[in-house]
Amino acid sequence: MTKNILKSISILVILSFFITIHTPVFASQLDDYRKQQKSLNTQINSVKNKIKQTETKKKATLNDIDAINKNIQQTNNELVTLDNKLDIAQKNINTAQKEISEKKKK
């Protein structure tokens, strides 16, 4: 029984020594890990902000494209209207030329 107690005490002394020696090392490593985590979190937040800015620019660009497409459609409609008016004017000119030609023949 005394041997078991001595073994237990020896183990406790060794563990105590191990903990005493390695605790500062663990604390230093833990501090380094916390600094790395803080740095990584900062980088992650920076990337998230850039993504938000990109999404905002993307939305603005899509709105600009929509506006341009509407202008193109409106311009195309106006061109169709002008083309129809031009056709009517050309028909009127042709009719007038025929009438003039017929009057000259008489």
PDB file of N, CA and C in Angstrom:
ATOM      1  N   MET A   1       0.820  -1.186   0.000  1.00  0.00           N
ATOM      2  CA  MET A   1       0.000   0.000   0.000  1.00  0.00           C
ATOM      3  C   MET A   1       0.864   1.250   0.000  1.00  0.00           C
ATOM      4  N   THR A   2       1.920   1.235   0.771  1.00  0.00           N
ATOM      5  CA  THR A   2       2.841   2.360   0.815  1.00  0.00           C
ATOM      6  C   THR A   2       3.483   2.557  -0.547  1.00  0.00           C
ATOM      7  N   LYS A   3       3.780   1.424  -1.219  1.00  0.00           N
ATOM      8  CA  LYS A   3       4.379   1.517  -2.545  1.00  0.00           C
ATOM      9  C   LYS A   3       3.407   2.197  -3.511  1.00  0.00           C
ATOM     10  N   ASN A   4       2.152   1.849  -3.407  1.00  0.00           N
ATOM     11  CA  ASN A   4       1.137   2.457  -4.283  1.00  0.00           C
ATOM     12  C   ASN A   4       1.011   3.950  -4.014  1.00  0.00           C
ATOM     13  N   ILE A   5       1.072   4.318  -2.756  1.00  0.00           N
ATOM     14  CA  ILE A   5       0.989   5.740  -2.400  1.00  0.00           C
ATOM     15  C   ILE A   5       2.208   6.472  -2.929  1.00  0.00           C
ATOM     16  N   LEU A   6       3.385   5.858  -2.783  1.00  0.00           N
ATOM     17  CA  LEU A   6       4.616   6.476  -3.280  1.00  0.00           C
ATOM     18  C   LEU A   6       4.571   6.603  -4.805  1.00  0.00           C
ATOM     19  N   LYS A   7       4.059   5.572  -5.474  1.00  0.00           N
ATOM     20  CA  LYS A   7       3.927   5.633  -6.935  1.00  0.00           C
ATOM     21  C   LYS A   7       2.966   6.752  -7.333  1.00  0.00           C
ATOM     22  N   SER A   8       1.875   6.855  -6.613  1.00  0.00           N
ATOM     23  CA  SER A   8       0.895   7.903  -6.905  1.00  0.00           C
ATOM     24  C   SER A   8       1.499   9.279  -6.685  1.00  0.00           C
ATOM     25  N   ILE A   9       2.246   9.417  -5.586  1.00  0.00           N
ATOM     26  CA  ILE A   9       2.898  10.705  -5.304  1.00  0.00           C
ATOM     27  C   ILE A   9       3.928  11.005  -6.378  1.00  0.00           C
ATOM     28  N   SER A  10       4.686  10.000  -6.784  1.00  0.00           N
ATOM     29  CA  SER A  10       5.693  10.186  -7.830  1.00  0.00           C
ATOM     30  C   SER A  10       5.029  10.634  -9.132  1.00  0.00           C
ATOM     31  N   ILE A  11       3.937   9.995  -9.460  1.00  0.00           N
ATOM     32  CA  ILE A  11       3.206  10.362 -10.685  1.00  0.00           C
ATOM     33  C   ILE A  11       2.682  11.790 -10.580  1.00  0.00           C
ATOM     34  N   LEU A  12       2.162  12.137  -9.412  1.00  0.00           N
ATOM     35  CA  LEU A  12       1.660  13.503  -9.216  1.00  0.00           C
ATOM     36  C   LEU A  12       2.781  14.524  -9.314  1.00  0.00           C
ATOM     37  N   VAL A  13       3.953  14.200  -8.759  1.00  0.00           N
ATOM     38  CA  VAL A  13       5.104  15.110  -8.839  1.00  0.00           C
ATOM     39  C   VAL A  13       5.528  15.282 -10.290  1.00  0.00           C
ATOM     40  N   ILE A  14       5.577  14.180 -11.023  1.00  0.00           N
ATOM     41  CA  ILE A  14       5.970  14.247 -12.439  1.00  0.00           C
ATOM     42  C   ILE A  14       4.943  15.056 -13.231  1.00  0.00           C
ATOM     43  N   LEU A  15       3.664  14.793 -12.996  1.00  0.00           N
ATOM     44  CA  LEU A  15       2.618  15.550 -13.687  1.00  0.00           C
ATOM     45  C   LEU A  15       2.680  17.026 -13.330  1.00  0.00           C
ATOM     46  N   SER A  16       2.906  17.309 -12.068  1.00  0.00           N
ATOM     47  CA  SER A  16       3.014  18.695 -11.617  1.00  0.00           C
ATOM     48  C   SER A  16       4.183  19.385 -12.302  1.00  0.00           C
ATOM     49  N   PHE A  17       5.321  18.683 -12.377  1.00  0.00           N
ATOM     50  CA  PHE A  17       6.501  19.222 -13.046  1.00  0.00           C
ATOM     51  C   PHE A  17       6.196  19.465 -14.527  1.00  0.00           C
ATOM     52  N   PHE A  18       5.574  18.478 -15.163  1.00  0.00           N
ATOM     53  CA  PHE A  18       5.216  18.588 -16.576  1.00  0.00           C
ATOM     54  C   PHE A  18       4.298  19.786 -16.812  1.00  0.00           C
ATOM     55  N   ILE A  19       3.283  19.912 -15.963  1.00  0.00           N
ATOM     56  CA  ILE A  19       2.330  21.019 -16.094  1.00  0.00           C
ATOM     57  C   ILE A  19       3.025  22.351 -15.854  1.00  0.00           C
ATOM     58  N   THR A  20       3.898  22.396 -14.844  1.00  0.00           N
ATOM     59  CA  THR A  20       4.613  23.636 -14.524  1.00  0.00           C
ATOM     60  C   THR A  20       5.490  24.071 -15.687  1.00  0.00           C
ATOM     61  N   ILE A  21       6.165  23.122 -16.304  1.00  0.00           N
ATOM     62  CA  ILE A  21       7.070  23.456 -17.410  1.00  0.00           C
ATOM     63  C   ILE A  21       6.287  23.802 -18.677  1.00  0.00           C
ATOM     64  N   HIS A  22       5.240  23.056 -18.961  1.00  0.00           N
ATOM     65  CA  HIS A  22       4.554  23.204 -20.244  1.00  0.00           C
ATOM     66  C   HIS A  22       3.406  24.205 -20.241  1.00  0.00           C
ATOM     67  N   THR A  23       2.947  24.636 -19.089  1.00  0.00           N
ATOM     68  CA  THR A  23       1.840  25.593 -19.044  1.00  0.00           C
ATOM     69  C   THR A  23       2.169  26.889 -19.773  1.00  0.00           C
ATOM     70  N   PRO A  24       3.357  27.493 -19.555  1.00  0.00           N
ATOM     71  CA  PRO A  24       3.671  28.714 -20.313  1.00  0.00           C
ATOM     72  C   PRO A  24       3.708  28.469 -21.827  1.00  0.00           C
ATOM     73  N   VAL A  25       4.194  27.288 -22.215  1.00  0.00           N
ATOM     74  CA  VAL A  25       4.245  26.956 -23.644  1.00  0.00           C
ATOM     75  C   VAL A  25       2.824  26.862 -24.195  1.00  0.00           C
ATOM     76  N   PHE A  26       1.955  26.169 -23.464  1.00  0.00           N
ATOM     77  CA  PHE A  26       0.567  26.051 -23.903  1.00  0.00           C
ATOM     78  C   PHE A  26      -0.110  27.419 -23.952  1.00  0.00           C
ATOM     79  N   ALA A  27       0.164  28.230 -22.940  1.00  0.00           N
ATOM     80  CA  ALA A  27      -0.438  29.566 -22.897  1.00  0.00           C
ATOM     81  C   ALA A  27       0.043  30.400 -24.075  1.00  0.00           C
ATOM     82  N   SER A  28       1.323  30.292 -24.387  1.00  0.00           N
ATOM     83  CA  SER A  28       1.877  31.035 -25.521  1.00  0.00           C
ATOM     84  C   SER A  28       1.250  30.557 -26.832  1.00  0.00           C
ATOM     85  N   GLN A  29       1.129  29.234 -26.975  1.00  0.00           N
ATOM     86  CA  GLN A  29       0.508  28.694 -28.187  1.00  0.00           C
ATOM     87  C   GLN A  29      -0.949  29.124 -28.287  1.00  0.00           C
ATOM     88  N   LEU A  30      -1.630  29.098 -27.153  1.00  0.00           N
ATOM     89  CA  LEU A  30      -3.026  29.518 -27.136  1.00  0.00           C
ATOM     90  C   LEU A  30      -3.148  30.982 -27.540  1.00  0.00           C
ATOM     91  N   ASP A  31      -2.239  31.808 -27.049  1.00  0.00           N
ATOM     92  CA  ASP A  31      -2.233  33.224 -27.412  1.00  0.00           C
ATOM     93  C   ASP A  31      -1.982  33.392 -28.910  1.00  0.00           C
ATOM     94  N   ASP A  32      -1.025  32.611 -29.439  1.00  0.00           N
ATOM     95  CA  ASP A  32      -0.750  32.658 -30.880  1.00  0.00           C
ATOM     96  C   ASP A  32      -1.979  32.237 -31.684  1.00  0.00           C
ATOM     97  N   TYR A  33      -2.652  31.184 -31.230  1.00  0.00           N
ATOM     98  CA  TYR A  33      -3.854  30.729 -31.930  1.00  0.00           C
ATOM     99  C   TYR A  33      -4.949  31.793 -31.893  1.00  0.00           C
ATOM    100  N   ARG A  34      -5.072  32.477 -30.782  1.00  0.00           N
ATOM    101  CA  ARG A  34      -6.080  33.544 -30.677  1.00  0.00           C
ATOM    102  C   ARG A  34      -5.754  34.691 -31.630  1.00  0.00           C
ATOM    103  N   LYS A  35      -4.461  35.032 -31.719  1.00  0.00           N
ATOM    104  CA  LYS A  35      -4.048  36.094 -32.652  1.00  0.00           C
ATOM    105  C   LYS A  35      -4.337  35.676 -34.091  1.00  0.00           C
ATOM    106  N   GLN A  36      -4.031  34.416 -34.411  1.00  0.00           N
ATOM    107  CA  GLN A  36      -4.308  33.917 -35.762  1.00  0.00           C
ATOM    108  C   GLN A  36      -5.807  33.934 -36.046  1.00  0.00           C
ATOM    109  N   GLN A  37      -6.582  33.535 -35.044  1.00  0.00           N
ATOM    110  CA  GLN A  37      -8.038  33.525 -35.211  1.00  0.00           C
ATOM    111  C   GLN A  37      -8.553  34.942 -35.445  1.00  0.00           C
ATOM    112  N   LYS A  38      -8.028  35.900 -34.691  1.00  0.00           N
ATOM    113  CA  LYS A  38      -8.450  37.291 -34.860  1.00  0.00           C
ATOM    114  C   LYS A  38      -8.080  37.788 -36.254  1.00  0.00           C
ATOM    115  N   SER A  39      -6.871  37.458 -36.697  1.00  0.00           N
ATOM    116  CA  SER A  39      -6.434  37.859 -38.036  1.00  0.00           C
ATOM    117  C   SER A  39      -7.322  37.229 -39.110  1.00  0.00           C
ATOM    118  N   LEU A  40      -7.615  35.946 -38.947  1.00  0.00           N
ATOM    119  CA  LEU A  40      -8.474  35.263 -39.925  1.00  0.00           C
ATOM    120  C   LEU A  40      -9.886  35.839 -39.926  1.00  0.00           C
ATOM    121  N   ASN A  41     -10.403  36.153 -38.743  1.00  0.00           N
ATOM    122  CA  ASN A  41     -11.737  36.763 -38.672  1.00  0.00           C
ATOM    123  C   ASN A  41     -11.753  38.119 -39.362  1.00  0.00           C
ATOM    124  N   THR A  42     -10.672  38.883 -39.195  1.00  0.00           N
ATOM    125  CA  THR A  42     -10.568  40.176 -39.872  1.00  0.00           C
ATOM    126  C   THR A  42     -10.567  39.979 -41.386  1.00  0.00           C
ATOM    127  N   GLN A  43      -9.798  38.993 -41.847  1.00  0.00           N
ATOM    128  CA  GLN A  43      -9.750  38.711 -43.285  1.00  0.00           C
ATOM    129  C   GLN A  43     -11.113  38.253 -43.799  1.00  0.00           C
ATOM    130  N   ILE A  44     -11.779  37.417 -43.028  1.00  0.00           N
ATOM    131  CA  ILE A  44     -13.113  36.936 -43.423  1.00  0.00           C
ATOM    132  C   ILE A  44     -14.086  38.105 -43.527  1.00  0.00           C
ATOM    133  N   ASN A  45     -14.056  38.999 -42.547  1.00  0.00           N
ATOM    134  CA  ASN A  45     -14.948  40.165 -42.581  1.00  0.00           C
ATOM    135  C   ASN A  45     -14.636  41.059 -43.767  1.00  0.00           C
ATOM    136  N   SER A  46     -13.355  41.197 -44.086  1.00  0.00           N
ATOM    137  CA  SER A  46     -12.966  41.998 -45.250  1.00  0.00           C
ATOM    138  C   SER A  46     -13.528  41.385 -46.530  1.00  0.00           C
ATOM    139  N   VAL A  47     -13.408  40.078 -46.654  1.00  0.00           N
ATOM    140  CA  VAL A  47     -13.937  39.391 -47.841  1.00  0.00           C
ATOM    141  C   VAL A  47     -15.458  39.531 -47.903  1.00  0.00           C
ATOM    142  N   LYS A  48     -16.128  39.391 -46.754  1.00  0.00           N
ATOM    143  CA  LYS A  48     -17.587  39.550 -46.721  1.00  0.00           C
ATOM    144  C   LYS A  48     -17.986  40.949 -47.176  1.00  0.00           C
ATOM    145  N   ASN A  49     -17.245  41.965 -46.719  1.00  0.00           N
ATOM    146  CA  ASN A  49     -17.549  43.339 -47.129  1.00  0.00           C
ATOM    147  C   ASN A  49     -17.337  43.523 -48.624  1.00  0.00           C
ATOM    148  N   LYS A  50     -16.271  42.933 -49.154  1.00  0.00           N
ATOM    149  CA  LYS A  50     -16.020  43.035 -50.594  1.00  0.00           C
ATOM    150  C   LYS A  50     -17.124  42.336 -51.383  1.00  0.00           C
ATOM    151  N   ILE A  51     -17.600  41.217 -50.867  1.00  0.00           N
ATOM    152  CA  ILE A  51     -18.702  40.504 -51.529  1.00  0.00           C
ATOM    153  C   ILE A  51     -19.955  41.374 -51.530  1.00  0.00           C
ATOM    154  N   LYS A  52     -20.241  42.027 -50.396  1.00  0.00           N
ATOM    155  CA  LYS A  52     -21.409  42.911 -50.325  1.00  0.00           C
ATOM    156  C   LYS A  52     -21.275  44.058 -51.322  1.00  0.00           C
ATOM    157  N   GLN A  53     -20.066  44.647 -51.400  1.00  0.00           N
ATOM    158  CA  GLN A  53     -19.848  45.743 -52.345  1.00  0.00           C
ATOM    159  C   GLN A  53     -20.039  45.255 -53.773  1.00  0.00           C
ATOM    160  N   THR A  54     -19.525  44.061 -54.059  1.00  0.00           N
ATOM    161  CA  THR A  54     -19.664  43.500 -55.404  1.00  0.00           C
ATOM    162  C   THR A  54     -21.128  43.241 -55.735  1.00  0.00           C
ATOM    163  N   GLU A  55     -21.879  42.725 -54.770  1.00  0.00           N
ATOM    164  CA  GLU A  55     -23.311  42.481 -54.986  1.00  0.00           C
ATOM    165  C   GLU A  55     -24.051  43.795 -55.249  1.00  0.00           C
ATOM    166  N   THR A  56     -23.683  44.836 -54.502  1.00  0.00           N
ATOM    167  CA  THR A  56     -24.310  46.146 -54.704  1.00  0.00           C
ATOM    168  C   THR A  56     -24.002  46.666 -56.103  1.00  0.00           C
ATOM    169  N   LYS A  57     -22.729  46.551 -56.520  1.00  0.00           N
ATOM    170  CA  LYS A  57     -22.344  46.992 -57.867  1.00  0.00           C
ATOM    171  C   LYS A  57     -23.052  46.148 -58.929  1.00  0.00           C
ATOM    172  N   LYS A  58     -23.188  44.856 -58.648  1.00  0.00           N
ATOM    173  CA  LYS A  58     -23.867  43.963 -59.591  1.00  0.00           C
ATOM    174  C   LYS A  58     -25.315  44.392 -59.776  1.00  0.00           C
ATOM    175  N   LYS A  59     -25.996  44.691 -58.664  1.00  0.00           N
ATOM    176  CA  LYS A  59     -27.390  45.140 -58.749  1.00  0.00           C
ATOM    177  C   LYS A  59     -27.491  46.442 -59.535  1.00  0.00           C
ATOM    178  N   ALA A  60     -26.580  47.365 -59.263  1.00  0.00           N
ATOM    179  CA  ALA A  60     -26.595  48.645 -59.980  1.00  0.00           C
ATOM    180  C   ALA A  60     -26.363  48.416 -61.472  1.00  0.00           C
ATOM    181  N   THR A  61     -25.432  47.532 -61.798  1.00  0.00           N
ATOM    182  CA  THR A  61     -25.146  47.230 -63.201  1.00  0.00           C
ATOM    183  C   THR A  61     -26.354  46.590 -63.875  1.00  0.00           C
ATOM    184  N   LEU A  62     -27.010  45.670 -63.178  1.00  0.00           N
ATOM    185  CA  LEU A  62     -28.212  45.042 -63.746  1.00  0.00           C
ATOM    186  C   LEU A  62     -29.319  46.067 -63.964  1.00  0.00           C
ATOM    187  N   ASN A  63     -29.450  47.013 -63.039  1.00  0.00           N
ATOM    188  CA  ASN A  63     -30.435  48.088 -63.217  1.00  0.00           C
ATOM    189  C   ASN A  63     -30.081  48.947 -64.424  1.00  0.00           C
ATOM    190  N   ASP A  64     -28.786  49.247 -64.587  1.00  0.00           N
ATOM    191  CA  ASP A  64     -28.344  50.019 -65.753  1.00  0.00           C
ATOM    192  C   ASP A  64     -28.648  49.265 -67.045  1.00  0.00           C
ATOM    193  N   ILE A  65     -28.380  47.965 -67.044  1.00  0.00           N
ATOM    194  CA  ILE A  65     -28.654  47.147 -68.233  1.00  0.00           C
ATOM    195  C   ILE A  65     -30.146  47.142 -68.539  1.00  0.00           C
ATOM    196  N   ASP A  66     -30.973  47.040 -67.506  1.00  0.00           N
ATOM    197  CA  ASP A  66     -32.430  47.098 -67.703  1.00  0.00           C
ATOM    198  C   ASP A  66     -32.843  48.415 -68.347  1.00  0.00           C
ATOM    199  N   ALA A  67     -32.293  49.509 -67.830  1.00  0.00           N
ATOM    200  CA  ALA A  67     -32.625  50.831 -68.376  1.00  0.00           C
ATOM    201  C   ALA A  67     -32.182  50.931 -69.834  1.00  0.00           C
ATOM    202  N   ILE A  68     -31.005  50.424 -70.136  1.00  0.00           N
ATOM    203  CA  ILE A  68     -30.501  50.454 -71.518  1.00  0.00           C
ATOM    204  C   ILE A  68     -31.400  49.612 -72.420  1.00  0.00           C
ATOM    205  N   ASN A  69     -31.791  48.434 -71.945  1.00  0.00           N
ATOM    206  CA  ASN A  69     -32.679  47.579 -72.747  1.00  0.00           C
ATOM    207  C   ASN A  69     -34.023  48.259 -73.007  1.00  0.00           C
ATOM    208  N   LYS A  70     -34.552  48.956 -72.008  1.00  0.00           N
ATOM    209  CA  LYS A  70     -35.808  49.691 -72.202  1.00  0.00           C
ATOM    210  C   LYS A  70     -35.626  50.796 -73.237  1.00  0.00           C
ATOM    211  N   ASN A  71     -34.490  51.500 -73.167  1.00  0.00           N
ATOM    212  CA  ASN A  71     -34.217  52.551 -74.156  1.00  0.00           C
ATOM    213  C   ASN A  71     -34.086  51.962 -75.556  1.00  0.00           C
ATOM    214  N   ILE A  72     -33.430  50.818 -75.651  1.00  0.00           N
ATOM    215  CA  ILE A  72     -33.289  50.158 -76.956  1.00  0.00           C
ATOM    216  C   ILE A  72     -34.662  49.769 -77.495  1.00  0.00           C
ATOM    217  N   GLN A  73     -35.502  49.214 -76.642  1.00  0.00           N
ATOM    218  CA  GLN A  73     -36.851  48.820 -77.066  1.00  0.00           C
ATOM    219  C   GLN A  73     -37.655  50.035 -77.518  1.00  0.00           C
ATOM    220  N   GLN A  74     -37.564  51.111 -76.753  1.00  0.00           N
ATOM    221  CA  GLN A  74     -38.285  52.333 -77.119  1.00  0.00           C
ATOM    222  C   GLN A  74     -37.764  52.876 -78.449  1.00  0.00           C
ATOM    223  N   THR A  75     -36.448  52.862 -78.622  1.00  0.00           N
ATOM    224  CA  THR A  75     -35.856  53.338 -79.874  1.00  0.00           C
ATOM    225  C   THR A  75     -36.293  52.459 -81.039  1.00  0.00           C
ATOM    226  N   ASN A  76     -36.315  51.148 -80.820  1.00  0.00           N
ATOM    227  CA  ASN A  76     -36.776  50.239 -81.876  1.00  0.00           C
ATOM    228  C   ASN A  76     -38.231  50.518 -82.245  1.00  0.00           C
ATOM    229  N   ASN A  77     -39.065  50.766 -81.243  1.00  0.00           N
ATOM    230  CA  ASN A  77     -40.468  51.101 -81.518  1.00  0.00           C
ATOM    231  C   ASN A  77     -40.573  52.392 -82.324  1.00  0.00           C
ATOM    232  N   GLU A  78     -39.769  53.382 -81.957  1.00  0.00           N
ATOM    233  CA  GLU A  78     -39.777  54.653 -82.695  1.00  0.00           C
ATOM    234  C   GLU A  78     -39.296  54.446 -84.126  1.00  0.00           C
ATOM    235  N   LEU A  79     -38.281  53.580 -84.298  1.00  0.00           N
ATOM    236  CA  LEU A  79     -37.788  53.294 -85.651  1.00  0.00           C
ATOM    237  C   LEU A  79     -38.862  52.613 -86.497  1.00  0.00           C
ATOM    238  N   VAL A  80     -39.619  51.704 -85.896  1.00  0.00           N
ATOM    239  CA  VAL A  80     -40.706  51.040 -86.621  1.00  0.00           C
ATOM    240  C   VAL A  80     -41.756  52.072 -87.029  1.00  0.00           C
ATOM    241  N   THR A  81     -42.093  52.973 -86.117  1.00  0.00           N
ATOM    242  CA  THR A  81     -43.068  54.026 -86.423  1.00  0.00           C
ATOM    243  C   THR A  81     -42.559  54.908 -87.556  1.00  0.00           C
ATOM    244  N   LEU A  82     -41.296  55.313 -87.471  1.00  0.00           N
ATOM    245  CA  LEU A  82     -40.714  56.151 -88.534  1.00  0.00           C
ATOM    246  C   LEU A  82     -40.656  55.398 -89.861  1.00  0.00           C
ATOM    247  N   ASP A  83     -40.338  54.114 -89.806  1.00  0.00           N
ATOM    248  CA  ASP A  83     -40.286  53.307 -91.023  1.00  0.00           C
ATOM    249  C   ASP A  83     -41.672  53.225 -91.666  1.00  0.00           C
ATOM    250  N   ASN A  84     -42.700  53.059 -90.829  1.00  0.00           N
ATOM    251  CA  ASN A  84     -44.074  53.041 -91.350  1.00  0.00           C
ATOM    252  C   ASN A  84     -44.439  54.385 -91.975  1.00  0.00           C
ATOM    253  N   LYS A  85     -44.064  55.476 -91.315  1.00  0.00           N
ATOM    254  CA  LYS A  85     -44.337  56.812 -91.864  1.00  0.00           C
ATOM    255  C   LYS A  85     -43.589  57.019 -93.172  1.00  0.00           C
ATOM    256  N   LEU A  86     -42.357  56.504 -93.229  1.00  0.00           N
ATOM    257  CA  LEU A  86     -41.568  56.620 -94.455  1.00  0.00           C
ATOM    258  C   LEU A  86     -42.232  55.842 -95.593  1.00  0.00           C
ATOM    259  N   ASP A  87     -42.741  54.657 -95.283  1.00  0.00           N
ATOM    260  CA  ASP A  87     -43.454  53.869 -96.297  1.00  0.00           C
ATOM    261  C   ASP A  87     -44.672  54.631 -96.815  1.00  0.00           C
ATOM    262  N   ILE A  88     -45.432  55.230 -95.894  1.00  0.00           N
ATOM    263  CA  ILE A  88     -46.618  56.004 -96.293  1.00  0.00           C
ATOM    264  C   ILE A  88     -46.199  57.192 -97.154  1.00  0.00           C
ATOM    265  N   ALA A  89     -45.133  57.875 -96.742  1.00  0.00           N
ATOM    266  CA  ALA A  89     -44.657  59.033 -97.508  1.00  0.00           C
ATOM    267  C   ALA A  89     -44.198  58.595 -98.894  1.00  0.00           C
ATOM    268  N   GLN A  90     -43.494  57.459 -98.962  1.00  0.00           N
ATOM    269  CA  GLN A  90     -43.021  56.966-100.258  1.00  0.00           C
ATOM    270  C   GLN A  90     -44.203  56.608-101.166  1.00  0.00           C
ATOM    271  N   LYS A  91     -45.248  56.000-100.591  1.00  0.00           N
ATOM    272  CA  LYS A  91     -46.447  55.678-101.368  1.00  0.00           C
ATOM    273  C   LYS A  91     -47.120  56.951-101.865  1.00  0.00           C
ATOM    274  N   ASN A  92     -47.171  57.974-100.998  1.00  0.00           N
ATOM    275  CA  ASN A  92     -47.757  59.257-101.406  1.00  0.00           C
ATOM    276  C   ASN A  92     -46.951  59.886-102.534  1.00  0.00           C
ATOM    277  N   ILE A  93     -45.632  59.794-102.438  1.00  0.00           N
ATOM    278  CA  ILE A  93     -44.773  60.336-103.500  1.00  0.00           C
ATOM    279  C   ILE A  93     -45.023  59.574-104.797  1.00  0.00           C
ATOM    280  N   ASN A  94     -45.074  58.254-104.715  1.00  0.00           N
ATOM    281  CA  ASN A  94     -45.312  57.443-105.915  1.00  0.00           C
ATOM    282  C   ASN A  94     -46.666  57.779-106.539  1.00  0.00           C
ATOM    283  N   THR A  95     -47.678  57.943-105.685  1.00  0.00           N
ATOM    284  CA  THR A  95     -49.013  58.293-106.173  1.00  0.00           C
ATOM    285  C   THR A  95     -48.978  59.665-106.843  1.00  0.00           C
ATOM    286  N   ALA A  96     -48.313  60.616-106.215  1.00  0.00           N
ATOM    287  CA  ALA A  96     -48.220  61.968-106.775  1.00  0.00           C
ATOM    288  C   ALA A  96     -47.474  61.941-108.099  1.00  0.00           C
ATOM    289  N   GLN A  97     -46.400  61.159-108.182  1.00  0.00           N
ATOM    290  CA  GLN A  97     -45.640  61.074-109.435  1.00  0.00           C
ATOM    291  C   GLN A  97     -46.484  60.455-110.551  1.00  0.00           C
ATOM    292  N   LYS A  98     -47.291  59.461-110.208  1.00  0.00           N
ATOM    293  CA  LYS A  98     -48.170  58.854-111.205  1.00  0.00           C
ATOM    294  C   LYS A  98     -49.192  59.867-111.696  1.00  0.00           C
ATOM    295  N   GLU A  99     -49.760  60.638-110.744  1.00  0.00           N
ATOM    296  CA  GLU A  99     -50.753  61.639-111.122  1.00  0.00           C
ATOM    297  C   GLU A  99     -50.125  62.693-112.021  1.00  0.00           C
ATOM    298  N   ILE A 100     -48.912  63.123-111.681  1.00  0.00           N
ATOM    299  CA  ILE A 100     -48.220  64.127-112.502  1.00  0.00           C
ATOM    300  C   ILE A 100     -47.930  63.539-113.875  1.00  0.00           C
ATOM    301  N   SER A 101     -47.473  62.312-113.892  1.00  0.00           N
ATOM    302  CA  SER A 101     -47.155  61.654-115.155  1.00  0.00           C
ATOM    303  C   SER A 101     -48.407  61.521-116.021  1.00  0.00           C
ATOM    304  N   GLU A 102     -49.544  61.188-115.410  1.00  0.00           N
ATOM    305  CA  GLU A 102     -50.796  61.053-116.146  1.00  0.00           C
ATOM    306  C   GLU A 102     -51.269  62.404-116.658  1.00  0.00           C
ATOM    307  N   LYS A 103     -51.086  63.457-115.862  1.00  0.00           N
ATOM    308  CA  LYS A 103     -51.497  64.789-116.298  1.00  0.00           C
ATOM    309  C   LYS A 103     -50.644  65.259-117.468  1.00  0.00           C
ATOM    310  N   LYS A 104     -49.372  64.899-117.456  1.00  0.00           N
ATOM    311  CA  LYS A 104     -48.488  65.297-118.549  1.00  0.00           C
ATOM    312  C   LYS A 104     -48.876  64.579-119.841  1.00  0.00           C
ATOM    313  N   LYS A 105     -49.341  63.354-119.714  1.00  0.00           N
ATOM    314  CA  LYS A 105     -49.744  62.578-120.879  1.00  0.00           C
ATOM    315  C   LYS A 105     -51.002  63.154-121.510  1.00  0.00           C
ATOM    316  N   LYS A 106     -51.856  63.804-120.756  1.00  0.00           N
ATOM    317  CA  LYS A 106     -53.122  64.327-121.249  1.00  0.00           C
ATOM    318  C   LYS A 106     -52.892  65.613-121.895  1.00  0.00           C
TER     319      LYS A 106
END
